[in-house]
Structure formats: C-alpha cells, structure tokens
Protein backbone atom coordinates (compact mmCIF):
# COMPACT_ATOMS: atom_id res chain seq x y z
CA UNK A 1 -2.34 17.69 -1.27
CA UNK A 2 -0.69 14.17 0.26
CA UNK A 3 -2.13 11.33 -1.44
CA UNK A 4 -5.03 9.57 0.42
CA UNK A 5 -5.52 5.67 1.06
CA UNK A 6 -1.98 5.16 2.02
CA UNK A 7 -1.48 2.60 4.83
CA UNK A 8 -1.03 2.88 8.40
CA UNK A 9 1.90 1.90 10.22
CA UNK A 10 0.03 -1.06 11.76
CA UNK A 11 -0.87 -2.44 8.31
CA UNK A 12 2.98 -1.59 6.99
CA UNK A 13 4.19 -3.62 10.08
CA UNK A 14 1.88 -6.42 9.55
CA UNK A 15 2.23 -6.55 5.76
CA UNK A 16 6.05 -7.06 6.17
CA UNK A 17 5.15 -9.74 8.92
CA UNK A 18 2.77 -11.35 6.22
CA UNK A 19 5.61 -11.17 3.46
CA UNK A 20 8.34 -12.75 5.77
CA UNK A 21 5.74 -15.46 6.39
CA UNK A 22 6.24 -16.31 2.91
CA UNK A 23 9.75 -17.43 3.34
CA UNK A 24 8.98 -20.20 5.67
CA UNK A 25 9.26 -23.66 4.40
CA UNK A 26 6.89 -25.00 7.18
CA UNK A 27 4.20 -27.16 5.33
CA UNK A 28 1.48 -26.39 7.98
CA UNK A 29 2.00 -23.04 9.80
CA UNK A 30 4.01 -20.30 8.19
CA UNK A 31 4.71 -17.51 10.64
CA UNK A 32 6.47 -13.94 10.22
CA UNK A 33 7.32 -11.35 12.25
CA UNK A 34 8.30 -7.70 12.11
CA UNK A 35 9.57 -5.35 14.80
CA UNK A 36 9.46 -1.54 14.06
CA UNK A 37 11.42 0.69 16.54
CA UNK A 38 9.85 3.92 18.62
CA UNK A 39 10.26 5.79 15.23
CA UNK A 40 8.72 3.29 13.30
CA UNK A 41 11.86 2.02 11.47
CA UNK A 42 12.14 -1.81 10.62
CA UNK A 43 14.77 -3.08 12.99
CA UNK A 44 14.07 -6.85 12.96
CA UNK A 45 12.37 -9.27 10.26
CA UNK A 46 11.89 -13.33 10.72
CA UNK A 47 9.90 -16.16 9.85
CA UNK A 48 9.62 -19.58 11.25
CA UNK A 49 12.41 -22.06 10.29
CA UNK A 50 15.58 -24.03 11.12
CA UNK A 51 18.72 -22.64 12.44
CA UNK A 52 21.33 -21.38 9.87
CA UNK A 53 23.31 -23.95 8.21
CA UNK A 54 20.64 -26.75 9.31
CA UNK A 55 19.44 -28.19 6.25
CA UNK A 56 15.50 -28.18 5.97
CA UNK A 57 15.97 -31.20 3.49
CA UNK A 58 17.21 -33.25 6.36
CA UNK A 59 15.64 -32.15 9.59
CA UNK A 60 11.62 -33.11 10.01
CA UNK A 61 8.75 -31.09 9.13
CA UNK A 62 6.22 -33.06 10.82
CA UNK A 63 4.54 -32.33 13.97
CA UNK A 64 5.23 -35.79 15.62
CA UNK A 65 5.35 -36.53 19.06
CA UNK A 66 8.49 -37.98 19.42
CA UNK A 67 10.90 -35.20 20.41
CA UNK A 68 13.86 -36.08 18.06
CA UNK A 69 11.49 -36.32 15.05
CA UNK A 70 9.24 -33.40 15.48
CA UNK A 71 9.87 -30.03 13.92
CA UNK A 72 9.14 -28.50 17.53
CA UNK A 73 12.44 -29.68 18.55
CA UNK A 74 14.30 -27.64 15.56
CA UNK A 75 12.51 -24.53 14.35
CA UNK A 76 12.95 -21.43 15.50
CA UNK A 77 10.22 -19.29 15.72
CA UNK A 78 9.59 -15.88 13.81
CA UNK A 79 9.49 -13.79 16.73
CA UNK A 80 12.88 -14.98 18.02
CA UNK A 81 14.31 -15.24 14.57
CA UNK A 82 13.18 -11.20 14.28
CA UNK A 83 14.78 -10.20 17.72
CA UNK A 84 18.07 -12.33 16.70
CA UNK A 85 18.05 -10.65 13.24
CA UNK A 86 18.14 -7.10 14.58
CA UNK A 87 21.48 -5.48 13.92
CA UNK A 88 21.36 -3.32 17.20
CA UNK A 89 19.37 -4.79 20.11
CA UNK A 90 19.15 -1.56 21.64
CA UNK A 91 16.68 -0.79 18.52
CA UNK A 92 14.19 -3.08 20.00
CA UNK A 93 13.54 -1.24 23.23
CA UNK A 94 10.49 0.22 23.36
CA UNK A 95 9.63 -1.27 19.98
CA UNK A 96 6.34 -2.92 18.32
CA UNK A 97 6.37 -6.49 17.48
CA UNK A 98 3.95 -7.38 14.47
CA UNK A 99 3.59 -11.22 13.80
CA UNK A 100 0.86 -13.22 12.01
CA UNK A 101 0.41 -15.62 15.03
CA UNK A 102 0.33 -14.75 18.40
CA UNK A 103 3.41 -15.48 20.45
CA UNK A 104 3.84 -18.83 22.63
CA UNK A 105 5.56 -18.81 26.18
CA UNK A 106 9.14 -19.04 24.93
CA UNK A 107 8.67 -16.25 22.47
CA UNK A 108 7.12 -13.92 25.05
CA UNK A 109 9.89 -14.56 27.26
CA UNK A 110 12.47 -13.45 24.31
CA UNK A 111 9.92 -10.59 23.80
CA UNK A 112 10.26 -9.37 27.31
CA UNK A 113 13.97 -9.94 27.67
CA UNK A 114 14.29 -7.69 24.38
CA UNK A 115 12.75 -4.38 25.59
CA UNK A 116 9.75 -4.46 22.98
CA UNK A 117 7.04 -2.84 24.69
CA UNK A 118 3.94 -3.84 22.36
CA UNK A 119 2.87 -7.02 20.00
CA UNK A 120 0.37 -6.78 17.55
CA UNK A 121 -0.83 -10.22 16.31
CA UNK A 122 -3.03 -11.25 13.17
CA UNK A 123 -4.27 -14.72 14.66
CA UNK A 124 -4.59 -16.01 17.83
CA UNK A 125 -5.73 -19.76 17.16
CA UNK A 126 -3.85 -21.10 19.97
CA UNK A 127 -5.63 -19.00 22.44
CA UNK A 128 -6.57 -21.49 24.69
CA UNK A 129 -3.52 -23.43 24.84
CA UNK A 130 -1.62 -23.56 27.66
CA UNK A 131 1.49 -21.98 26.05
CA UNK A 132 -0.52 -19.29 25.12
CA UNK A 133 -2.16 -18.58 28.60
CA UNK A 134 1.40 -18.74 29.83
CA UNK A 135 2.40 -15.97 27.39
CA UNK A 136 -0.19 -13.76 28.02
CA UNK A 137 0.46 -13.97 31.59
CA UNK A 138 4.09 -13.40 31.24
CA UNK A 139 3.42 -10.45 29.01
CA UNK A 140 0.94 -9.01 31.47
CA UNK A 141 3.42 -9.17 34.33
CA UNK A 142 5.81 -7.39 32.23
CA UNK A 143 3.80 -4.98 31.02
CA UNK A 144 3.89 -5.76 27.55
CA UNK A 145 0.89 -4.51 25.62
CA UNK A 146 -0.60 -7.11 23.47
CA UNK A 147 -3.56 -6.68 21.00
CA UNK A 148 -4.93 -8.21 17.82
CA UNK A 149 -4.54 -6.61 14.22
CA UNK A 150 -7.42 -4.67 13.04
CA UNK A 151 -7.60 -2.74 9.82
CA UNK A 152 -10.65 -1.53 7.56
CA UNK A 153 -8.65 -3.29 4.59
CA UNK A 154 -9.29 -7.09 3.61
CA UNK A 155 -6.34 -7.23 1.44
CA UNK A 156 -3.18 -5.40 0.04
CA UNK A 157 -1.91 -5.90 -3.48
CA UNK A 158 1.71 -6.01 -4.33
CA UNK A 159 2.15 -5.91 -8.01
CA UNK A 160 5.72 -7.25 -9.39
CA UNK A 161 5.00 -5.71 -12.81
CA UNK A 162 6.24 -2.01 -13.70
CA UNK A 163 3.47 0.47 -13.72
CA UNK A 164 3.57 2.62 -16.93
CA UNK A 165 2.81 6.43 -15.59
CA UNK A 166 1.93 8.98 -18.26
C-alpha cells in the first residue's frame, strides 16, 4: 500500500514558492513563485530581488515615494523572475504558477504573455489596490484562472537533520 499523508501538487508547488521566498533580501515583503508545467514538473522558480549583477548592498530597500530611491524602481517580482528563470519558455504554456502574493498588473501581463493558464496565490493582501484590480481584470480577459491556495494543513516541516531509519 502507498504511504498516506503525502502532499498534494498544490501543496508541493506552494511549498517551493514559500522556500523561494526565503531567498529574498527584501526586509518588508518576501515573495516566492514556482511554476509547474502540465505534467507537474518544476519549470521555473523565482523570488523578489534586484537584477543579476546589481548589488543588494547599494540599491535601496526602502518603500520611498521618490522613484529613484525606492525599491519599486529596481526589484524584479517573483512571478517575473520565475518566468525569466525557466530554461525553456515553451514549458510554461498551460502551466500553473504558485505564488505567495497575488500578482500585480505588470506580473499579470508577464503571466499572460508566457502562456501560463492558472495562478494559485497564498495571500491577496493588496486585493483592493488599483494594481490588483487591474491584474484580475487582465487575467479575466485572457482566460487565466486564479484562485486562493487552500490546504487542510497548517504547516509543513522541513528537517535538515538526517533521520535514522531502522
């Protein structure tokens, strides 16, 4: 008989997104994304951070209103990074993106252009913000399904200590 209690594909995808978020150096918001293709294979992973080669010790992490001194002018979102990190863009077509925070309008545009057909998000804390409203409108128009992540589990433990089996 097969083992019981194994995680679902949704739990797997969101777990990878949550782990990816731990790579973010953003002091206020850590976001991760994971893309599974139609065969449930991981084809892209990303987190919010600065572009390659741009020092995270030099650029601002503040939310300032000044465009030049705000992190928003420099940070690449997790969704976009997961798409850019995919080695084969055709693997994204008909895939599902798991993301820890619902996409903004710019990320929705990238999701649509990539061919991803579904987005599963953990949090929608900016639901009523204009960029979130526009994101949902774009995804609706493009036929992208989006939904809140649901699980009967409250947590999933990752143990870095080797277990000894008898």
